[in-house]
Protein backbone atom coordinates (compact mmCIF):
# COMPACT_ATOMS: atom_id res chain seq x y z
CA UNK A 1 -16.02 24.22 4.01
CA UNK A 2 -18.55 26.64 4.40
CA UNK A 3 -22.04 27.31 3.95
CA UNK A 4 -23.54 30.55 2.77
CA UNK A 5 -27.27 31.56 2.94
CA UNK A 6 -28.92 29.59 -0.13
CA UNK A 7 -26.13 29.60 -2.55
CA UNK A 8 -26.96 28.60 -6.38
CA UNK A 9 -27.22 24.81 -6.72
CA UNK A 10 -24.11 24.80 -8.51
CA UNK A 11 -22.18 26.08 -5.79
CA UNK A 12 -23.89 24.02 -3.16
CA UNK A 13 -22.76 21.02 -5.47
CA UNK A 14 -19.63 21.95 -5.97
CA UNK A 15 -18.65 22.52 -1.96
CA UNK A 16 -20.08 18.87 -1.42
CA UNK A 17 -17.63 17.88 -3.90
CA UNK A 18 -14.96 19.91 -2.14
CA UNK A 19 -16.09 18.76 1.27
CA UNK A 20 -15.43 15.22 -0.11
CA UNK A 21 -12.39 15.48 -2.12
CA UNK A 22 -10.98 16.98 1.77
CA UNK A 23 -12.64 14.25 3.62
CA UNK A 24 -10.99 11.55 1.02
CA UNK A 25 -7.35 13.27 2.24
CA UNK A 26 -8.03 13.55 5.64
CA UNK A 27 -9.58 10.30 6.16
CA UNK A 28 -5.83 8.68 4.68
CA UNK A 29 -4.49 9.59 8.42
CA UNK A 30 -7.50 9.94 10.50
CA UNK A 31 -8.92 6.64 9.69
CA UNK A 32 -6.00 4.99 11.32
CA UNK A 33 -6.82 7.93 14.51
CA UNK A 34 -8.67 6.64 17.76
CA UNK A 35 -10.62 10.36 17.91
CA UNK A 36 -11.76 13.41 15.90
CA UNK A 37 -12.17 16.60 17.15
CA UNK A 38 -13.14 19.65 15.22
CA UNK A 39 -12.08 22.98 17.07
CA UNK A 40 -13.66 26.43 17.13
CA UNK A 41 -15.98 25.74 13.65
CA UNK A 42 -17.21 29.18 11.84
CA UNK A 43 -20.67 29.84 11.89
CA UNK A 44 -21.68 28.90 8.88
CA UNK A 45 -20.03 26.02 8.66
CA UNK A 46 -22.69 22.99 8.41
CA UNK A 47 -21.03 19.75 9.53
CA UNK A 48 -20.89 18.66 6.43
CA UNK A 49 -16.44 17.77 6.30
CA UNK A 50 -16.86 16.28 9.51
CA UNK A 51 -19.85 14.53 9.17
CA UNK A 52 -17.62 12.96 5.82
CA UNK A 53 -14.80 12.14 8.07
CA UNK A 54 -14.65 8.37 8.47
CA UNK A 55 -13.43 7.77 12.19
CA UNK A 56 -16.10 6.42 14.93
CA UNK A 57 -15.47 8.92 17.82
CA UNK A 58 -16.06 12.36 16.59
CA UNK A 59 -17.42 16.09 18.51
CA UNK A 60 -17.25 19.70 18.59
CA UNK A 61 -15.93 22.06 20.46
CA UNK A 62 -17.28 25.62 20.01
CA UNK A 63 -15.88 29.18 21.34
CA UNK A 64 -16.53 29.13 24.39
CA UNK A 65 -16.04 25.81 25.60
CA UNK A 66 -13.10 24.24 27.12
CA UNK A 67 -10.64 21.97 25.05
CA UNK A 68 -10.15 18.44 26.92
CA UNK A 69 -6.60 17.72 28.66
CA UNK A 70 -5.01 15.45 26.35
CA UNK A 71 -2.20 15.43 27.27
CA UNK A 72 -2.12 12.38 29.11
CA UNK A 73 -2.34 10.59 25.80
CA UNK A 74 0.51 8.10 25.56
CA UNK A 75 -0.43 5.24 22.53
CA UNK A 76 -3.44 7.24 21.62
CA UNK A 77 -4.08 9.50 18.29
CA UNK A 78 -6.35 12.44 18.63
CA UNK A 79 -7.03 14.53 15.40
CA UNK A 80 -8.28 18.23 15.92
CA UNK A 81 -9.60 19.35 13.05
CA UNK A 82 -9.75 23.24 11.93
CA UNK A 83 -11.76 24.26 8.75
CA UNK A 84 -11.24 27.82 7.37
CA UNK A 85 -10.88 28.98 11.01
CA UNK A 86 -7.02 30.47 10.74
CA UNK A 87 -8.63 32.49 7.70
CA UNK A 88 -10.83 34.35 9.55
CA UNK A 89 -8.58 35.33 12.36
CA UNK A 90 -6.15 38.06 13.29
CA UNK A 91 -4.05 35.65 15.86
CA UNK A 92 -3.33 32.29 14.87
CA UNK A 93 -0.32 31.75 17.07
CA UNK A 94 -2.64 33.13 20.08
CA UNK A 95 -4.90 30.34 18.78
CA UNK A 96 -2.09 27.51 18.95
CA UNK A 97 0.05 28.36 21.68
CA UNK A 98 -2.89 27.32 24.55
CA UNK A 99 -3.86 24.65 22.30
CA UNK A 100 -0.37 22.52 22.81
CA UNK A 101 -0.65 22.96 26.30
CA UNK A 102 -3.50 20.99 26.04
CA UNK A 103 -2.28 18.03 23.55
CA UNK A 104 -0.14 15.21 24.01
CA UNK A 105 2.86 14.47 21.44
CA UNK A 106 1.00 11.83 19.70
CA UNK A 107 -2.19 14.54 18.59
CA UNK A 108 -1.83 16.62 14.97
CA UNK A 109 -3.71 19.46 14.23
CA UNK A 110 -4.99 19.36 10.84
CA UNK A 111 -5.59 22.59 9.32
CA UNK A 112 -7.58 23.38 6.17
CA UNK A 113 -6.68 26.74 4.35
CA UNK A 114 -7.87 28.70 1.81
CA UNK A 115 -4.90 29.22 -1.11
CA UNK A 116 -3.43 32.77 -0.34
CA UNK A 117 -2.61 33.26 -4.21
CA UNK A 118 -6.85 32.62 -5.44
CA UNK A 119 -7.93 35.56 -2.61
CA UNK A 120 -9.01 37.55 -5.97
CA UNK A 121 -11.88 34.56 -6.35
CA UNK A 122 -13.40 35.34 -3.11
CA UNK A 123 -13.38 39.12 -3.62
CA UNK A 124 -15.13 38.48 -7.41
CA UNK A 125 -17.14 35.72 -6.37
CA UNK A 126 -19.12 38.23 -3.29
CA UNK A 127 -19.11 40.90 -5.81
CA UNK A 128 -21.03 38.67 -8.67
CA UNK A 129 -23.26 37.42 -6.03
CA UNK A 130 -22.02 33.68 -6.21
CA UNK A 131 -21.01 33.80 -2.43
CA UNK A 132 -22.22 35.35 0.23
CA UNK A 133 -20.81 35.85 4.17
CA UNK A 134 -18.07 37.30 5.41
CA UNK A 135 -14.96 37.17 3.38
CA UNK A 136 -11.94 35.67 4.42
CA UNK A 137 -9.47 37.93 6.46
CA UNK A 138 -6.47 36.13 6.24
CA UNK A 139 -4.43 34.06 3.54
CA UNK A 140 -1.59 32.01 4.83
CA UNK A 141 1.05 30.96 2.56
CA UNK A 142 3.03 27.95 3.16
CA UNK A 143 6.28 30.05 4.63
CA UNK A 144 3.71 31.64 6.89
CA UNK A 145 2.36 28.91 8.27
CA UNK A 146 5.99 27.15 8.77
CA UNK A 147 6.77 29.90 10.55
CA UNK A 148 3.54 30.62 12.89
CA UNK A 149 3.89 26.75 13.57
CA UNK A 150 7.71 26.76 14.96
CA UNK A 151 7.49 30.14 17.05
CA UNK A 152 3.95 27.94 18.24
CA UNK A 153 5.71 24.94 19.60
CA UNK A 154 4.53 23.07 16.13
CA UNK A 155 6.14 21.64 13.17
CA UNK A 156 4.33 21.04 9.37
CA UNK A 157 4.76 17.17 8.98
CA UNK A 158 2.35 17.03 5.63
CA UNK A 159 1.51 19.57 3.23
CA UNK A 160 -1.20 18.60 0.14
CA UNK A 161 -3.41 20.73 -1.84
CA UNK A 162 -6.98 19.81 -2.38
CA UNK A 163 -9.67 20.57 -4.74
CA UNK A 164 -8.90 22.11 -8.59
CA UNK A 165 -11.94 21.30 -10.83
CA UNK A 166 -15.40 21.75 -9.96
CA UNK A 167 -16.88 19.96 -12.54
CA UNK A 168 -17.00 16.32 -12.03
CA UNK A 169 -19.00 15.73 -16.13
CA UNK A 170 -17.51 12.27 -17.65
CA UNK A 171 -15.38 12.39 -14.03
CA UNK A 172 -13.16 15.09 -15.80
CA UNK A 173 -13.14 17.05 -12.00
CA UNK A 174 -12.40 13.92 -10.43
CA UNK A 175 -9.27 13.10 -13.47
CA UNK A 176 -7.67 16.51 -12.98
CA UNK A 177 -8.21 16.84 -9.05
CA UNK A 178 -5.99 13.81 -8.82
CA UNK A 179 -3.44 14.74 -11.17
CA UNK A 180 -2.56 17.87 -10.49
CA UNK A 181 -1.30 17.59 -7.32
CA UNK A 182 1.35 15.67 -9.37
CA UNK A 183 2.26 18.54 -11.62
CA UNK A 184 5.11 21.26 -10.45
CA UNK A 185 3.89 24.66 -10.54
CA UNK A 186 -0.06 24.12 -11.52
CA UNK A 187 0.05 22.44 -8.47
CA UNK A 188 -0.18 25.56 -6.44
CA UNK A 189 -3.53 26.62 -8.17
CA UNK A 190 -5.82 24.19 -5.60
CA UNK A 191 -8.58 25.57 -4.09
CA UNK A 192 -7.48 24.41 -0.32
CA UNK A 193 -4.46 23.00 1.51
CA UNK A 194 -4.83 20.76 3.99
CA UNK A 195 -1.61 20.81 6.33
CA UNK A 196 -0.73 18.04 9.64
CA UNK A 197 0.86 20.41 12.79
CA UNK A 198 2.81 18.14 15.32
CA UNK A 199 3.45 19.44 18.29
CA UNK A 200 7.27 19.47 19.71
CA UNK A 201 6.65 17.91 23.30
CA UNK A 202 9.49 15.95 24.64
CA UNK A 203 9.02 12.32 26.68
CA UNK A 204 11.31 9.88 27.69
CA UNK A 205 10.06 6.29 26.77
CA UNK A 206 10.60 3.44 29.18
CA UNK A 207 12.45 1.00 27.45
CA UNK A 208 13.21 0.10 23.69
CA UNK A 209 13.71 -3.04 21.80
CA UNK A 210 15.95 -3.74 19.26
CA UNK A 211 15.47 -5.75 16.39
CA UNK A 212 18.37 -7.30 14.82
CA UNK A 213 18.24 -9.08 11.08
CA UNK A 214 20.87 -11.14 10.23
CA UNK A 215 21.64 -13.42 8.09
CA UNK A 216 25.39 -14.86 7.43
CA UNK A 217 26.89 -12.60 10.24
CA UNK A 218 28.27 -14.54 12.55
CA UNK A 219 31.22 -12.67 12.95
CA UNK A 220 29.33 -9.33 13.74
CA UNK A 221 26.71 -10.73 16.10
CA UNK A 222 29.20 -10.12 19.19
CA UNK A 223 29.85 -6.62 18.44
CA UNK A 224 26.64 -5.54 18.03
CA UNK A 225 26.18 -5.91 21.71
CA UNK A 226 29.44 -4.66 22.16
CA UNK A 227 28.91 -1.86 20.85
CA UNK A 228 25.38 -1.62 22.06
CA UNK A 229 25.49 2.36 23.75
CA UNK A 230 23.91 3.17 26.74
CA UNK A 231 20.52 4.88 26.06
CA UNK A 232 19.45 5.24 29.98
CA UNK A 233 16.40 2.54 29.97
CA UNK A 234 15.91 -0.78 29.38
CA UNK A 235 17.12 -2.43 26.38
CA UNK A 236 15.61 -5.52 24.72
CA UNK A 237 17.77 -7.04 21.85
CA UNK A 238 15.73 -9.36 19.41
CA UNK A 239 17.90 -11.87 17.45
CA UNK A 240 15.94 -12.92 14.04
CA UNK A 241 18.31 -15.35 12.35
CA UNK A 242 17.62 -16.34 8.60
CA UNK A 243 18.15 -19.04 6.77
CA UNK A 244 22.58 -18.62 7.07
CA UNK A 245 24.44 -21.21 5.16
CA UNK A 246 27.10 -20.15 8.23
CA UNK A 247 27.23 -20.24 11.80
CA UNK A 248 24.93 -17.37 12.68
CA UNK A 249 22.56 -18.84 14.73
CA UNK A 250 24.78 -20.54 16.97
CA UNK A 251 26.42 -17.94 17.46
CA UNK A 252 23.96 -15.65 18.10
CA UNK A 253 22.65 -18.74 21.04
CA UNK A 254 26.03 -18.12 22.62
CA UNK A 255 26.24 -14.17 22.47
CA UNK A 256 22.52 -14.28 24.16
CA UNK A 257 23.65 -16.62 26.65
CA UNK A 258 26.75 -14.62 27.72
CA UNK A 259 24.88 -11.19 27.87
CA UNK A 260 22.28 -12.24 29.04
CA UNK A 261 22.95 -10.45 32.53
CA UNK A 262 23.11 -7.01 30.33
CA UNK A 263 20.47 -6.95 28.11
CA UNK A 264 17.07 -9.04 28.08
CA UNK A 265 17.80 -10.44 24.56
CA UNK A 266 15.22 -12.91 22.49
CA UNK A 267 16.05 -15.19 19.44
CA UNK A 268 14.07 -15.75 16.74
CA UNK A 269 14.29 -17.48 13.52
CA UNK A 270 12.65 -16.99 10.46
CA UNK A 271 10.32 -19.21 8.53
CA UNK A 272 9.60 -16.74 5.77
CA UNK A 273 12.67 -14.64 4.40
CA UNK A 274 13.66 -11.42 3.86
CA UNK A 275 13.97 -8.23 5.99
CA UNK A 276 10.91 -7.00 5.72
CA UNK A 277 9.54 -10.53 7.38
CA UNK A 278 12.34 -10.70 9.93
CA UNK A 279 11.56 -6.98 11.22
CA UNK A 280 7.98 -7.97 11.45
CA UNK A 281 8.56 -11.05 13.35
CA UNK A 282 11.19 -8.81 15.79
CA UNK A 283 8.37 -6.39 16.15
CA UNK A 284 5.59 -8.27 16.49
CA UNK A 285 7.84 -10.05 19.46
CA UNK A 286 8.60 -6.69 21.39
CA UNK A 287 8.05 -5.70 24.34
CA UNK A 288 9.00 -2.21 25.23
CA UNK A 289 7.66 0.30 23.55
CA UNK A 290 9.91 2.08 21.51
CA UNK A 291 11.08 -0.13 18.46
CA UNK A 292 14.28 0.12 16.40
CA UNK A 293 16.20 -1.88 13.71
CA UNK A 294 19.87 -2.63 13.42
CA UNK A 295 21.74 -4.08 10.75
CA UNK A 296 23.57 -7.07 11.99
CA UNK A 297 26.19 -6.01 9.15
CA UNK A 298 27.01 -3.12 11.56
CA UNK A 299 27.99 -0.43 8.37
CA UNK A 300 25.44 1.69 10.48
CA UNK A 301 27.45 2.21 13.62
CA UNK A 302 25.37 0.99 16.58
CA UNK A 303 26.60 3.60 18.87
CA UNK A 304 24.97 5.75 16.60
CA UNK A 305 21.60 5.01 18.00
CA UNK A 306 21.92 7.00 20.92
CA UNK A 307 21.29 9.56 18.72
CA UNK A 308 18.50 8.31 17.48
CA UNK A 309 17.11 7.84 20.91
CA UNK A 310 17.99 11.25 22.10
CA UNK A 311 15.99 12.76 18.65
CA UNK A 312 12.97 10.89 19.45
CA UNK A 313 12.78 11.77 23.55
CA UNK A 314 13.64 15.52 22.69
CA UNK A 315 10.26 15.28 20.61
CA UNK A 316 11.51 16.46 17.45
CA UNK A 317 10.09 13.39 15.50
CA UNK A 318 8.12 9.97 15.85
CA UNK A 319 9.73 8.41 13.13
CA UNK A 320 13.49 8.57 13.25
CA UNK A 321 14.88 7.77 9.99
CA UNK A 322 19.29 6.99 9.06
CA UNK A 323 20.26 8.88 6.31
CA UNK A 324 23.77 7.74 4.98
CA UNK A 325 24.07 10.04 2.23
CA UNK A 326 25.67 13.49 4.00
CA UNK A 327 29.06 12.31 4.78
CA UNK A 328 31.28 10.67 2.92
CA UNK A 329 31.80 6.74 3.30
CA UNK A 330 33.96 4.89 4.59
CA UNK A 331 35.87 2.74 1.68
CA UNK A 332 33.92 0.21 -0.70
CA UNK A 333 31.07 1.00 2.01
CA UNK A 334 28.77 1.43 -0.98
CA UNK A 335 29.50 0.95 -4.69
CA UNK A 336 28.45 3.98 -6.94
CA UNK A 337 25.58 2.27 -8.62
CA UNK A 338 24.08 2.08 -5.04
CA UNK A 339 24.38 5.39 -3.97
CA UNK A 340 23.44 6.70 -7.60
CA UNK A 341 20.04 4.81 -6.57
CA UNK A 342 19.76 5.57 -3.19
CA UNK A 343 19.95 9.40 -4.24
CA UNK A 344 17.19 8.67 -7.05
CA UNK A 345 14.97 6.82 -4.39
CA UNK A 346 15.18 9.21 -1.48
CA UNK A 347 14.23 12.15 -4.30
CA UNK A 348 11.48 10.10 -5.71
CA UNK A 349 9.99 9.32 -2.52
CA UNK A 350 10.42 13.08 -1.07
CA UNK A 351 8.04 14.31 -4.11
CA UNK A 352 5.35 11.12 -3.80
CA UNK A 353 5.08 11.93 0.18
CA UNK A 354 5.49 15.80 0.18
CA UNK A 355 7.91 15.65 3.04
CA UNK A 356 11.96 16.14 2.64
CA UNK A 357 13.50 12.66 2.86
CA UNK A 358 17.64 12.04 2.42
CA UNK A 359 17.89 8.41 2.76
CA UNK A 360 15.01 6.11 1.93
CA UNK A 361 17.17 3.00 2.26
CA UNK A 362 19.32 3.40 5.33
CA UNK A 363 18.55 0.26 7.33
CA UNK A 364 17.75 1.85 10.81
CA UNK A 365 13.84 3.35 11.80
CA UNK A 366 12.85 3.87 15.30
CA UNK A 367 9.13 4.58 16.11
CA UNK A 368 6.74 3.33 18.66
CA UNK A 369 5.42 0.07 18.80
CA UNK A 370 1.58 2.17 19.82
CA UNK A 371 2.50 3.38 16.01
CA UNK A 372 3.75 0.19 14.69
CA UNK A 373 0.54 -1.16 15.15
CA UNK A 374 -0.78 1.47 12.54
CA UNK A 375 0.88 0.91 10.59
CA UNK A 376 -0.06 -2.46 10.26
CA UNK A 377 -3.25 -1.63 10.37
CA UNK A 378 -1.91 0.57 7.05
CA UNK A 379 -0.60 -1.92 5.61
CA UNK A 380 -3.34 -4.57 5.74
CA UNK A 381 -5.57 -1.77 3.20
CA UNK A 382 -2.83 -0.73 1.14
CA UNK A 383 -1.47 -4.00 0.18
CA UNK A 384 1.68 -6.38 1.29
CA UNK A 385 4.16 -5.62 -1.30
CA UNK A 386 7.50 -4.64 0.38
CA UNK A 387 9.92 -7.49 0.70
CA UNK A 388 13.13 -5.05 2.14
CA UNK A 389 10.77 -3.47 4.40
CA UNK A 390 11.51 0.32 4.48
CA UNK A 391 9.25 1.30 2.43
CA UNK A 392 6.06 -0.26 4.12
CA UNK A 393 7.68 2.11 7.54
CA UNK A 394 8.30 5.43 5.28
CA UNK A 395 5.20 5.63 3.36
CA UNK A 396 2.34 5.22 6.40
CA UNK A 397 4.87 7.29 8.29
CA UNK A 398 4.52 10.02 6.09
CA UNK A 399 0.20 9.36 4.99
CA UNK A 400 -0.08 9.17 9.19
CA UNK A 401 1.52 12.21 9.69
CA UNK A 402 3.77 10.71 11.98
CA UNK A 403 7.33 13.54 11.97
CA UNK A 404 10.13 12.04 10.11
CA UNK A 405 12.92 13.30 10.92
CA UNK A 406 16.37 11.84 9.38
CA UNK A 407 19.79 11.32 11.52
CA UNK A 408 22.88 11.83 9.45
CA UNK A 409 24.80 8.75 10.14
CA UNK A 410 28.95 7.78 8.53
CA UNK A 411 28.41 4.80 5.89
CA UNK A 412 30.95 2.28 7.18
CA UNK A 413 31.96 -0.79 5.44
CA UNK A 414 30.95 -4.04 6.63
CA UNK A 415 33.89 -6.03 8.38
CA UNK A 416 32.64 -10.10 7.59
CA UNK A 417 31.02 -11.47 5.00
CA UNK A 418 29.46 -9.97 2.15
CA UNK A 419 26.25 -7.66 1.30
CA UNK A 420 22.94 -9.60 0.40
CA UNK A 421 21.82 -7.18 -1.63
CA UNK A 422 21.75 -7.66 -5.66
CA UNK A 423 21.99 -4.04 -7.35
CA UNK A 424 19.78 -5.27 -10.90
CA UNK A 425 17.36 -7.48 -9.46
CA UNK A 426 16.42 -5.64 -6.20
CA UNK A 427 16.59 -1.80 -8.06
CA UNK A 428 13.77 -2.99 -9.93
CA UNK A 429 11.75 -4.44 -7.30
CA UNK A 430 12.11 -0.42 -5.36
CA UNK A 431 10.90 0.56 -8.83
CA UNK A 432 7.92 -0.98 -9.20
CA UNK A 433 7.41 -0.18 -5.11
CA UNK A 434 7.79 3.57 -6.18
CA UNK A 435 5.61 3.67 -9.36
CA UNK A 436 3.07 1.58 -6.68
CA UNK A 437 3.59 4.14 -4.31
CA UNK A 438 2.90 7.21 -6.60
CA UNK A 439 -0.34 5.77 -7.99
CA UNK A 440 -1.86 4.70 -4.65
CA UNK A 441 -0.67 8.28 -2.62
CA UNK A 442 0.67 10.90 -4.59
CA UNK A 443 -2.57 9.70 -7.21
CA UNK A 444 -4.47 8.13 -5.47
CA UNK A 445 -5.77 6.03 -7.91
CA UNK A 446 -6.84 3.05 -5.22
CA UNK A 447 -9.27 3.06 -2.80
CA UNK A 448 -6.80 3.02 0.12
CA UNK A 449 -9.00 1.27 3.40
CA UNK A 450 -12.39 2.62 3.86
CA UNK A 451 -11.51 6.56 2.78
CA UNK A 452 -14.45 7.11 0.35
């Protein structure tokens, strides 16, 4: 936030406190980024917010200085911090469009904005002498920001409300500032918003690694390769077999030998248990820059991987997620209680993660290997608690501002074997993970990594 000339001590303390709140929100993602650039700081910006940010590489680029060319960044992530500048500018689109030409698809613009519904507070504070300096001229609603971002070639991938109570007496301020973002209607009365803008930039990865976890799926193994679409780039297939009681492992070995001329194939066996462990093992052995998961039951048609890949290449998102809840499902592909649970968890996670999510439990997801390394670092700080692997990918994808896009798929009935999912036992585990996400992400009640 800004610094006025010789403000009252109470106002200075509040600003320092608000900067710490903003830094806590920003640090949730930038501590996993490679660099932070504060761009076009206001004349009265003391640099206090940048000083609170937890990143080893920080720099400031003032008006009149050339912005570096980040277009060649591929695996690196740079955050561009814009602190209050938009609220004192008459042409935000004019700022964003030339900036986008200097960014890569991995760059993120982090915008700190004043609450448009509290405009009157700034006027009142100036009249009472509590605040000095130029009044903000431009107050931007979320709808305004979405429109400006879209026409400038960006998409808002995350927006959070920060700073409600200026009083820290007896910890009241901390409690209020954590609880308010979770309360409908009241959450809109924060002093500031933090928005993460993602540039929409197409790219074409040089190859993709497809991990296929398989437990008791002997009858589906060959069809997974027969139905694999031509993606126009090298495809590495990684089978991960997990303690099957049928002949799945023998079938994997047979099929791998038969199709080696068409795909680069790896065959792995788990020592651990569960799908999450299988996916982690497969990703750890992946060699291509883009990663995806295909469940061996083939209820998500392999042919649909082409749409996931095309959506990524078009630059629409850096985390592509399947959604099975749009179209009617085939036969008994999903039982009623399972469907009800899927809808429930999608709604819960949408609220917790401040993003629109159509399906939280579809097994097929696509992301880069570079981003997966960041997710591993995030998970080490957050905690390893997900036996299924869906939430441990969705949670950091939202927090780190990757940009999630749902791809509607028609969920098909399995042709071989039976489901490995227990509705009630696994349902309670998912409920527990949702509760943990609410506490740690929505409320921030547990220290997250190095965030202050």
